[in-house]
Amino acid sequence: MKKFEKQNHTKIALFAGATALMSLTPNIRAQTSMDALLNKLEQKGVLTVDEAKELKAENATNSVADLDAAMNSKFPMSGWITSYKLSGDFRGRFDERTTSNPAQDNNIRMRYRLRVGLQVNMKDNLQVGFRLGSADPDSNGLGGSPVSNNTTLQGNGTKKFLYVDAAYGKWTPINDGTWMIGGTIGKMDNPFQLTPMVFDPDYTPEGGAIQATYKINDKNSLAFNGAAFVLSYSGNGPENMSFLYGVQTMWNAAWSDRISSSLGVSVFDIVNGDLLTTANAGSGNKGNSVNGAGVPLYDFNPVVVNAGVTYTLDRFPLYPGKFPIKLAGEYMINPGAPGSGGIAGGEPNGNQGYDASITFGHAVKKGTWDISYRYQALDANAWYAQIVDDDNADYSSGFAGGTNVKGHLFTADYALADALLFSFHCYVNSMIGNVNPGNSNSDAIHVMADLMWKF
């Protein structure tokens, strides 16, 4: 991720970043010879031949200040902009799904994910950002999948889709070292700090959010998140939108150089759930008890508790630097649905979910790595299935992620370079409640191997 400060070379760096975005080549930094830089911008198509000649003439004295003024005359920028961040990633994936169920077929897919975004920082603690992302179209035809940026290789090289993955405005009016309070509106990265059992990592909700942190002392801090997200819009009637409301409080503590911990409590509520039809909200994931229109039969107002503790070793074999070991867990209960799990009235039921995990290491810089294990069980009606992890799946009705799933997850990551990561994931899952005992083999093994470039 490159940060371009608005100083003498702001315009040069911005055009270099744009050149990198268009050509997917490394950024061009300001050079000693300004003419050489202008030649490169001309070659990349950022400047026309005439514009490059005019700027070279205006820069005949080789003055950086003069060049900046000349660039600004051609490409004016608002005086309140302070910095930019251009970032993104590309991931190539091998994806295999297998089952022992004779009624289901195994499947292999080749996929990719592309995300490219720009963040603009301004005076008065203002920020605007957007990100474009790849995705296959969702089943409701309203856009790309809400829980995946993957695009499947298919269609004899047909052109693929690119969607708005994030578009937001943010204002942080208070940031004095003790308190930080900010608000965001638009389509944003999820502000809640929870596992994929609650929100798929690719889910970028739409609406408004308020975030705050309070520094108690050098070792302890509190974080607060509150949000209202639009889930569906019918266009008719006085109550034409379904909302997800949520609040979260997190206590983060650093007990020593070796030990840190976190503890959080979250409460959510989905209102106007009768608008969550397949047509309005999609049906990519499965698991909830639903009616003929795909509307969930029960309310969703769960309470989620999550906790984690990390112990850091000074060294560990085959690992450069300090070595973290993390234990984490999460528990969810939804009072809006019946409990006990299993089958009731021909439908899966149950209103609880939990996971527990252990992670060794952290693959963040070249030569670092991590391995982890997680067990998760998520009852059918513990939470709204369309926003949870879509990779955590079984073969109950074709291959689908969502709720009513239990099983294991094994992961391993290795940073081949600072900007290149290899990842391996293996899910081993089955259903919690099976509505068809005569076809009990719902087990699924889902293997993914990734290479991801980040910039």
Protein backbone atom coordinates (compact mmCIF):
# COMPACT_ATOMS: atom_id res chain seq x y z
CA MET A 1 0.00 0.00 0.00
CA LYS A 2 1.57 3.29 -1.11
CA LYS A 3 0.87 6.62 0.48
CA PHE A 4 1.29 9.74 -1.61
CA GLU A 5 1.70 12.90 0.47
CA LYS A 6 0.61 16.16 -1.11
CA GLN A 7 3.98 17.84 -1.07
CA ASN A 8 6.27 18.92 -3.92
CA HIS A 9 5.83 15.65 -5.81
CA THR A 10 2.08 15.11 -5.23
CA LYS A 11 1.05 15.36 -8.87
CA ILE A 12 3.95 13.23 -10.04
CA ALA A 13 3.15 10.48 -7.55
CA LEU A 14 -0.56 10.60 -8.38
CA PHE A 15 0.04 10.10 -12.09
CA ALA A 16 2.57 7.38 -11.31
CA GLY A 17 -0.06 5.64 -9.18
CA ALA A 18 -2.60 5.95 -11.97
CA THR A 19 -0.08 4.51 -14.38
CA ALA A 20 0.47 1.56 -12.04
CA LEU A 21 -3.26 1.00 -11.78
CA MET A 22 -3.71 0.92 -15.54
CA SER A 23 -0.72 -1.18 -16.41
CA LEU A 24 -0.28 -3.30 -13.24
CA THR A 25 3.41 -2.45 -13.19
CA PRO A 26 5.41 -1.14 -10.20
CA ASN A 27 4.95 2.52 -9.25
CA ILE A 28 7.19 5.09 -10.97
CA ARG A 29 8.84 7.26 -8.36
CA ALA A 30 9.97 10.85 -8.85
CA GLN A 31 13.34 10.77 -10.58
CA THR A 32 16.28 13.15 -10.59
CA SER A 33 15.59 13.93 -14.23
CA MET A 34 12.09 15.39 -14.53
CA ASP A 35 12.28 15.00 -18.29
CA ALA A 36 12.72 11.24 -17.88
CA LEU A 37 9.59 11.12 -15.73
CA LEU A 38 7.60 13.14 -18.26
CA ASN A 39 8.76 10.79 -21.01
CA LYS A 40 7.50 7.80 -19.04
CA LEU A 41 4.12 9.50 -18.38
CA GLU A 42 3.89 10.21 -22.10
CA GLN A 43 4.67 6.58 -22.97
CA LYS A 44 1.99 5.35 -20.59
CA GLY A 45 -0.61 7.66 -22.09
CA VAL A 46 -1.10 9.78 -18.97
CA LEU A 47 0.19 12.83 -20.89
CA THR A 48 -0.21 13.60 -24.56
CA VAL A 49 2.86 14.43 -26.65
CA ASP A 50 1.97 18.12 -26.69
CA GLU A 51 1.31 18.23 -22.95
CA ALA A 52 4.67 16.58 -22.21
CA LYS A 53 6.51 19.04 -24.48
CA GLU A 54 4.79 22.00 -22.82
CA LEU A 55 5.63 20.77 -19.32
CA LYS A 56 9.27 20.16 -20.33
CA ALA A 57 9.47 23.70 -21.62
CA GLU A 58 7.95 25.09 -18.43
CA ASN A 59 10.47 23.01 -16.46
CA ALA A 60 13.49 24.24 -18.40
CA THR A 61 15.08 25.51 -15.18
CA ASN A 62 14.67 21.99 -13.69
CA SER A 63 12.93 23.48 -10.64
CA VAL A 64 10.77 21.05 -8.66
CA ALA A 65 8.55 23.93 -7.50
CA ASP A 66 8.09 25.10 -11.07
CA LEU A 67 7.22 21.57 -12.21
CA ASP A 68 4.64 21.23 -9.43
CA ALA A 69 3.05 24.52 -10.47
CA ALA A 70 3.07 23.43 -14.11
CA MET A 71 1.47 20.09 -13.27
CA ASN A 72 -1.19 21.85 -11.18
CA SER A 73 -2.01 24.13 -14.08
CA LYS A 74 -2.75 21.08 -16.24
CA PHE A 75 -4.33 18.86 -13.58
CA PRO A 76 -5.69 21.09 -10.78
CA MET A 77 -6.35 19.47 -7.38
CA SER A 78 -8.35 20.72 -4.41
CA GLY A 79 -6.25 22.46 -1.78
CA TRP A 80 -7.90 20.54 1.07
CA ILE A 81 -6.63 17.15 -0.11
CA THR A 82 -3.75 15.99 2.11
CA SER A 83 -2.91 12.47 0.93
CA TYR A 84 -3.89 9.44 -1.12
CA LYS A 85 -3.71 5.70 -0.65
CA LEU A 86 -3.87 3.41 -3.65
CA SER A 87 -4.25 -0.27 -2.74
CA GLY A 88 -5.57 -3.59 -3.94
CA ASP A 89 -4.91 -7.26 -4.45
CA PHE A 90 -5.20 -10.03 -7.00
CA ARG A 91 -5.82 -13.64 -5.97
CA GLY A 92 -5.77 -16.78 -8.09
CA ARG A 93 -7.58 -19.81 -6.61
CA PHE A 94 -7.86 -23.55 -7.11
CA ASP A 95 -11.18 -24.68 -5.58
CA GLU A 96 -12.24 -28.32 -5.11
CA ARG A 97 -15.43 -29.65 -3.48
CA THR A 98 -15.97 -33.36 -2.81
CA THR A 99 -18.57 -35.51 -1.01
CA SER A 100 -19.38 -39.16 -0.36
CA ASN A 101 -23.05 -38.46 -1.15
CA PRO A 102 -23.82 -40.52 -4.31
CA ALA A 103 -26.60 -38.08 -5.26
CA GLN A 104 -24.13 -35.19 -5.54
CA ASP A 105 -21.27 -34.54 -7.95
CA ASN A 106 -17.78 -33.42 -7.02
CA ASN A 107 -16.63 -30.13 -8.49
CA ILE A 108 -13.38 -28.32 -9.37
CA ARG A 109 -13.25 -24.62 -10.20
CA MET A 110 -10.53 -22.14 -11.14
CA ARG A 111 -11.28 -18.64 -9.85
CA TYR A 112 -9.79 -15.20 -9.36
CA ARG A 113 -10.46 -12.14 -7.22
CA LEU A 114 -9.42 -8.59 -8.11
CA ARG A 115 -9.87 -5.56 -5.86
CA VAL A 116 -8.54 -2.05 -6.54
CA GLY A 117 -9.32 0.99 -4.42
CA LEU A 118 -8.42 4.61 -3.76
CA GLN A 119 -8.66 6.43 -0.42
CA VAL A 120 -8.54 10.24 -0.38
CA ASN A 121 -7.71 11.96 2.91
CA MET A 122 -8.64 15.60 3.43
CA LYS A 123 -8.32 18.37 5.98
CA ASP A 124 -10.68 18.43 8.97
CA ASN A 125 -10.38 14.61 9.32
CA LEU A 126 -12.50 13.88 6.25
CA GLN A 127 -12.05 10.85 4.03
CA VAL A 128 -13.65 9.45 0.88
CA GLY A 129 -12.91 6.02 -0.54
CA PHE A 130 -14.01 3.60 -3.19
CA ARG A 131 -13.00 0.12 -4.29
CA LEU A 132 -13.86 -1.92 -7.38
CA GLY A 133 -14.05 -5.68 -7.10
CA SER A 134 -14.66 -8.70 -9.28
CA ALA A 135 -17.60 -11.05 -8.64
CA ASP A 136 -19.99 -13.41 -10.36
CA PRO A 137 -23.56 -12.03 -10.65
CA ASP A 138 -25.86 -12.80 -7.73
CA SER A 139 -28.99 -14.90 -8.26
CA ASN A 140 -31.35 -11.93 -7.82
CA GLY A 141 -29.78 -9.97 -10.70
CA LEU A 142 -29.18 -6.86 -8.56
CA GLY A 143 -25.38 -7.03 -8.71
CA GLY A 144 -22.47 -9.20 -7.66
CA SER A 145 -22.64 -11.71 -4.83
CA PRO A 146 -22.75 -9.96 -1.42
CA VAL A 147 -20.45 -12.57 0.15
CA SER A 148 -17.88 -13.26 -2.57
CA ASN A 149 -15.53 -11.35 -4.88
CA ASN A 150 -14.60 -14.56 -6.71
CA THR A 151 -15.04 -14.83 -10.46
CA THR A 152 -15.17 -18.35 -11.92
CA LEU A 153 -13.15 -19.02 -15.09
CA GLN A 154 -15.72 -20.10 -17.68
CA GLY A 155 -17.50 -19.08 -20.88
CA ASN A 156 -14.60 -19.42 -23.34
CA GLY A 157 -12.82 -16.27 -22.23
CA THR A 158 -15.91 -14.08 -21.98
CA LYS A 159 -15.43 -10.63 -20.44
CA LYS A 160 -16.04 -10.67 -16.71
CA PHE A 161 -17.85 -8.35 -14.30
CA LEU A 162 -16.44 -5.58 -12.13
CA TYR A 163 -18.60 -4.06 -9.39
CA VAL A 164 -18.50 -1.27 -6.81
CA ASP A 165 -17.20 -3.16 -3.77
CA ALA A 166 -17.01 -0.10 -1.51
CA ALA A 167 -17.99 3.59 -1.81
CA TYR A 168 -18.10 5.68 1.34
CA GLY A 169 -17.54 8.99 3.07
CA LYS A 170 -16.07 9.21 6.58
CA TRP A 171 -15.72 12.01 9.10
CA THR A 172 -13.72 11.74 12.35
CA PRO A 173 -14.52 14.94 14.27
CA ILE A 174 -12.81 13.79 17.49
CA ASN A 175 -9.34 12.24 17.61
CA ASP A 176 -7.40 13.64 20.56
CA GLY A 177 -5.32 10.64 21.66
CA THR A 178 -7.86 9.56 24.29
CA TRP A 179 -11.09 9.54 22.31
CA MET A 180 -11.61 8.76 18.64
CA ILE A 181 -15.14 9.14 17.28
CA GLY A 182 -16.01 8.83 13.59
CA GLY A 183 -18.95 8.16 11.32
CA THR A 184 -19.20 6.47 7.90
CA ILE A 185 -21.99 6.36 5.32
CA GLY A 186 -22.23 4.41 2.08
CA LYS A 187 -21.00 0.92 1.16
CA MET A 188 -18.16 0.11 3.54
CA ASP A 189 -15.86 -2.49 5.03
CA ASN A 190 -17.64 -4.19 7.91
CA PRO A 191 -16.98 -2.26 11.16
CA PHE A 192 -17.82 -5.19 13.45
CA GLN A 193 -14.89 -7.28 14.73
CA LEU A 194 -16.32 -10.80 14.45
CA THR A 195 -15.49 -14.11 12.78
CA PRO A 196 -16.93 -15.47 9.50
CA MET A 197 -19.52 -17.33 11.60
CA VAL A 198 -21.30 -13.95 11.85
CA PHE A 199 -20.17 -12.07 8.71
CA ASP A 200 -18.45 -13.37 5.58
CA PRO A 201 -15.06 -11.60 5.17
CA ASP A 202 -16.11 -10.31 1.73
CA TYR A 203 -19.39 -8.81 2.98
CA THR A 204 -19.37 -5.00 2.53
CA PRO A 205 -22.61 -3.71 4.11
CA GLU A 206 -24.50 -0.60 3.00
CA GLY A 207 -25.82 2.08 5.35
CA GLY A 208 -24.29 4.06 8.19
CA ALA A 209 -21.92 3.30 11.05
CA ILE A 210 -20.43 5.06 14.08
CA GLN A 211 -17.13 3.91 15.55
CA ALA A 212 -15.39 5.10 18.70
CA THR A 213 -12.39 4.12 20.80
CA TYR A 214 -11.48 5.22 24.32
CA LYS A 215 -7.93 4.80 25.61
CA ILE A 216 -8.22 3.96 29.30
CA ASN A 217 -4.45 3.80 29.80
CA ASP A 218 -1.36 2.53 27.99
CA LYS A 219 -2.51 -1.08 28.36
CA ASN A 220 -6.30 -0.95 28.03
CA SER A 221 -8.78 0.50 25.55
CA LEU A 222 -12.47 0.20 24.69
CA ALA A 223 -13.92 0.11 21.19
CA PHE A 224 -17.55 0.83 20.31
CA ASN A 225 -19.30 0.06 17.01
CA GLY A 226 -22.86 0.87 16.02
CA ALA A 227 -24.47 0.52 12.62
CA ALA A 228 -27.69 0.40 10.61
CA PHE A 229 -27.42 -1.51 7.32
CA VAL A 230 -30.01 -1.90 4.56
CA LEU A 231 -30.59 -5.56 3.65
CA SER A 232 -33.39 -5.23 1.11
CA TYR A 233 -35.61 -2.63 -0.58
CA SER A 234 -39.04 -3.46 -1.95
CA GLY A 235 -39.98 -0.04 -3.38
CA ASN A 236 -43.55 -0.29 -2.06
CA GLY A 237 -45.37 0.60 1.17
CA PRO A 238 -44.41 2.67 4.24
CA GLU A 239 -42.06 -0.03 5.49
CA ASN A 240 -40.22 -0.79 2.28
CA MET A 241 -36.77 -1.60 3.67
CA SER A 242 -35.35 -4.35 5.83
CA PHE A 243 -32.61 -3.18 8.20
CA LEU A 244 -29.88 -4.84 10.23
CA TYR A 245 -29.11 -2.91 13.43
CA GLY A 246 -26.07 -3.74 15.54
CA VAL A 247 -23.97 -2.52 18.46
CA GLN A 248 -20.66 -3.90 19.75
CA THR A 249 -18.35 -3.17 22.68
CA MET A 250 -14.78 -4.51 22.71
CA TRP A 251 -12.22 -4.43 25.53
CA ASN A 252 -8.65 -4.73 24.24
CA ALA A 253 -5.81 -5.19 26.72
CA ALA A 254 -2.02 -5.60 26.53
CA TRP A 255 -1.04 -7.18 29.83
CA SER A 256 2.65 -7.36 28.98
CA ASP A 257 4.98 -7.53 26.01
CA ARG A 258 3.97 -11.17 25.67
CA ILE A 259 0.27 -11.34 26.54
CA SER A 260 -2.69 -9.47 25.02
CA SER A 261 -6.41 -10.17 25.02
CA SER A 262 -9.78 -9.03 23.69
CA LEU A 263 -13.34 -9.48 24.92
CA GLY A 264 -16.45 -8.34 23.07
CA VAL A 265 -20.24 -8.36 23.27
CA SER A 266 -22.48 -7.64 20.27
CA VAL A 267 -26.24 -7.40 19.84
CA PHE A 268 -28.01 -7.45 16.46
CA ASP A 269 -31.59 -7.10 15.25
CA ILE A 270 -33.07 -7.54 11.77
CA VAL A 271 -36.36 -5.66 11.25
CA ASN A 272 -38.94 -6.09 8.47
CA GLY A 273 -37.65 -9.59 7.85
CA ASP A 274 -40.69 -10.34 5.69
CA LEU A 275 -38.94 -8.32 2.94
CA LEU A 276 -36.00 -10.74 2.81
CA THR A 277 -37.40 -12.63 -0.17
CA THR A 278 -35.19 -14.45 -2.64
CA ALA A 279 -35.93 -11.70 -5.18
CA ASN A 280 -34.86 -8.89 -2.81
CA ALA A 281 -31.98 -10.46 -0.90
CA GLY A 282 -30.72 -13.41 -2.94
CA SER A 283 -30.37 -17.07 -2.03
CA GLY A 284 -26.70 -17.93 -2.43
CA ASN A 285 -26.37 -19.44 1.04
CA LYS A 286 -28.71 -22.01 2.60
CA GLY A 287 -29.73 -23.26 6.03
CA ASN A 288 -32.48 -21.00 7.42
CA SER A 289 -36.03 -22.29 7.78
CA VAL A 290 -37.88 -20.34 5.06
CA ASN A 291 -41.27 -20.10 3.37
CA GLY A 292 -41.99 -20.50 -0.34
CA ALA A 293 -40.68 -17.00 -1.16
CA GLY A 294 -37.42 -17.68 0.65
CA VAL A 295 -38.35 -15.49 3.65
CA PRO A 296 -36.94 -16.77 6.98
CA LEU A 297 -39.63 -18.12 9.31
CA TYR A 298 -38.05 -16.72 12.48
CA ASP A 299 -36.72 -13.41 13.76
CA PHE A 300 -33.02 -12.66 14.09
CA ASN A 301 -31.93 -10.73 17.19
CA PRO A 302 -28.86 -12.62 18.41
CA VAL A 303 -26.35 -11.83 21.13
CA VAL A 304 -22.71 -12.65 20.29
CA VAL A 305 -19.83 -12.96 22.76
CA ASN A 306 -16.26 -13.30 21.48
CA ALA A 307 -12.90 -13.49 23.21
CA GLY A 308 -9.26 -14.06 22.35
CA VAL A 309 -5.86 -14.20 24.02
CA THR A 310 -2.46 -14.01 22.31
CA TYR A 311 0.86 -15.13 23.76
CA THR A 312 4.00 -14.02 21.90
CA LEU A 313 7.26 -15.98 22.01
CA ASP A 314 10.58 -14.26 21.39
CA ARG A 315 11.51 -16.90 18.82
CA PHE A 316 10.26 -20.11 17.23
CA PRO A 317 11.92 -22.66 14.90
CA LEU A 318 11.76 -21.74 11.19
CA TYR A 319 10.06 -18.42 11.94
CA PRO A 320 11.78 -15.02 11.71
CA GLY A 321 11.06 -12.68 14.60
CA LYS A 322 8.55 -12.89 17.42
CA PHE A 323 6.02 -15.72 17.21
CA PRO A 324 2.36 -15.20 18.26
CA ILE A 325 0.04 -18.00 19.44
CA LYS A 326 -3.63 -17.08 19.63
CA LEU A 327 -6.62 -18.83 21.20
CA ALA A 328 -10.07 -17.49 20.27
CA GLY A 329 -13.71 -18.38 20.67
CA GLU A 330 -17.17 -17.06 19.86
CA TYR A 331 -20.71 -17.90 21.00
CA MET A 332 -24.05 -16.79 19.53
CA ILE A 333 -27.66 -17.27 20.65
CA ASN A 334 -30.76 -16.02 18.83
CA PRO A 335 -33.83 -15.65 21.11
CA GLY A 336 -36.00 -15.06 18.04
CA ALA A 337 -35.89 -18.75 17.00
CA PRO A 338 -36.56 -22.07 18.80
CA GLY A 339 -33.62 -23.89 20.31
CA SER A 340 -32.34 -27.47 20.67
CA GLY A 341 -31.05 -28.04 17.11
CA GLY A 342 -32.03 -30.96 14.89
CA ILE A 343 -35.43 -31.20 13.15
CA ALA A 344 -38.83 -29.88 14.20
CA GLY A 345 -41.94 -29.89 11.99
CA GLY A 346 -39.95 -31.04 8.97
CA GLU A 347 -37.53 -28.09 9.19
CA PRO A 348 -34.04 -27.80 10.70
CA ASN A 349 -34.10 -25.70 13.86
CA GLY A 350 -31.74 -24.55 16.57
CA ASN A 351 -30.73 -21.03 17.57
CA GLN A 352 -27.10 -21.23 18.70
CA GLY A 353 -23.65 -21.13 17.19
CA TYR A 354 -20.09 -21.36 18.45
CA ASP A 355 -16.53 -21.67 17.25
CA ALA A 356 -13.13 -22.20 18.84
CA SER A 357 -9.73 -21.79 17.18
CA ILE A 358 -5.98 -21.80 17.72
CA THR A 359 -3.47 -20.05 15.45
CA PHE A 360 0.32 -20.34 15.41
CA GLY A 361 2.30 -17.54 13.74
CA HIS A 362 1.23 -14.70 11.47
CA ALA A 363 2.03 -14.60 7.74
CA VAL A 364 2.54 -10.91 7.11
CA LYS A 365 6.12 -10.37 5.86
CA LYS A 366 8.43 -12.43 3.66
CA GLY A 367 9.36 -15.70 5.33
CA THR A 368 6.64 -15.60 7.98
CA TRP A 369 3.86 -18.21 8.15
CA ASP A 370 0.89 -19.40 10.16
CA ILE A 371 -1.17 -22.53 10.68
CA SER A 372 -4.54 -22.76 12.42
CA TYR A 373 -7.42 -25.06 13.36
CA ARG A 374 -11.02 -24.08 14.01
CA TYR A 375 -14.17 -26.01 14.93
CA GLN A 376 -17.53 -24.36 14.28
CA ALA A 377 -21.19 -25.33 14.68
CA LEU A 378 -23.92 -22.94 13.51
CA ASP A 379 -27.57 -23.96 13.98
CA ALA A 380 -30.08 -23.41 11.18
CA ASN A 381 -31.71 -20.28 12.66
CA ALA A 382 -28.94 -18.89 14.82
CA TRP A 383 -28.37 -16.08 12.29
CA TYR A 384 -29.35 -14.84 8.82
CA ALA A 385 -27.74 -17.31 6.42
CA GLN A 386 -27.21 -14.89 3.50
CA ILE A 387 -24.42 -12.93 5.23
CA VAL A 388 -22.32 -15.69 6.85
CA ASP A 389 -19.27 -17.49 5.42
CA ASP A 390 -20.13 -18.94 1.99
CA ASP A 391 -17.05 -21.21 1.93
CA ASN A 392 -18.10 -23.04 5.10
CA ALA A 393 -20.48 -25.40 3.32
CA ASP A 394 -22.10 -28.84 3.09
CA TYR A 395 -23.92 -30.83 0.41
CA SER A 396 -27.43 -30.70 1.94
CA SER A 397 -28.92 -29.02 -1.15
CA GLY A 398 -26.21 -28.98 -3.75
CA PHE A 399 -23.07 -27.31 -2.41
CA ALA A 400 -23.89 -24.22 -0.36
CA GLY A 401 -22.53 -22.26 2.55
CA GLY A 402 -24.65 -20.76 5.29
CA THR A 403 -26.15 -22.09 8.52
CA ASN A 404 -27.09 -25.61 9.73
CA VAL A 405 -23.43 -26.60 9.27
CA LYS A 406 -20.82 -28.00 11.64
CA GLY A 407 -17.24 -29.05 11.08
CA HIS A 408 -13.53 -28.38 10.98
CA LEU A 409 -11.30 -25.85 9.23
CA PHE A 410 -7.54 -26.26 8.70
CA THR A 411 -5.52 -23.35 7.25
CA ALA A 412 -1.90 -22.60 6.41
CA ASP A 413 -0.32 -19.43 4.99
CA TYR A 414 3.22 -18.61 3.89
CA ALA A 415 4.50 -15.21 2.76
CA LEU A 416 6.67 -15.91 -0.28
CA ALA A 417 7.39 -12.17 -0.43
CA ASP A 418 6.10 -9.07 1.30
CA ALA A 419 3.59 -8.73 -1.53
CA LEU A 420 2.92 -12.42 -2.33
CA LEU A 421 1.06 -14.85 -0.07
CA PHE A 422 0.31 -18.56 -0.50
CA SER A 423 -2.76 -19.84 1.40
CA PHE A 424 -4.34 -23.25 1.91
CA HIS A 425 -7.81 -23.87 3.40
CA CYS A 426 -9.56 -27.17 4.02
CA TYR A 427 -13.13 -27.37 5.37
CA VAL A 428 -14.52 -30.73 6.54
CA ASN A 429 -18.25 -30.26 7.22
CA SER A 430 -21.64 -31.91 7.61
CA MET A 431 -25.21 -30.84 8.39
CA ILE A 432 -26.48 -30.37 11.93
CA GLY A 433 -30.13 -31.21 11.16
CA ASN A 434 -30.91 -33.41 8.14
CA VAL A 435 -34.47 -33.20 6.79
CA ASN A 436 -33.89 -36.25 4.57
CA PRO A 437 -32.52 -39.13 6.69
CA GLY A 438 -32.60 -41.43 3.66
CA ASN A 439 -29.90 -39.26 2.09
CA SER A 440 -27.72 -38.71 5.14
CA ASN A 441 -24.37 -38.18 3.44
CA SER A 442 -24.27 -34.40 3.48
CA ASP A 443 -20.56 -34.28 4.27
CA ALA A 444 -18.36 -32.00 2.21
CA ILE A 445 -14.62 -31.43 1.92
CA HIS A 446 -13.85 -28.01 0.50
CA VAL A 447 -10.20 -27.34 -0.42
CA MET A 448 -8.85 -24.00 -1.64
CA ALA A 449 -5.28 -23.12 -2.62
CA ASP A 450 -4.51 -19.44 -3.29
CA LEU A 451 -1.77 -17.18 -4.51
CA MET A 452 -2.41 -13.52 -3.65
CA TRP A 453 -0.51 -10.45 -4.81
CA LYS A 454 -1.15 -7.26 -2.82
CA PHE A 455 -0.18 -3.67 -3.51
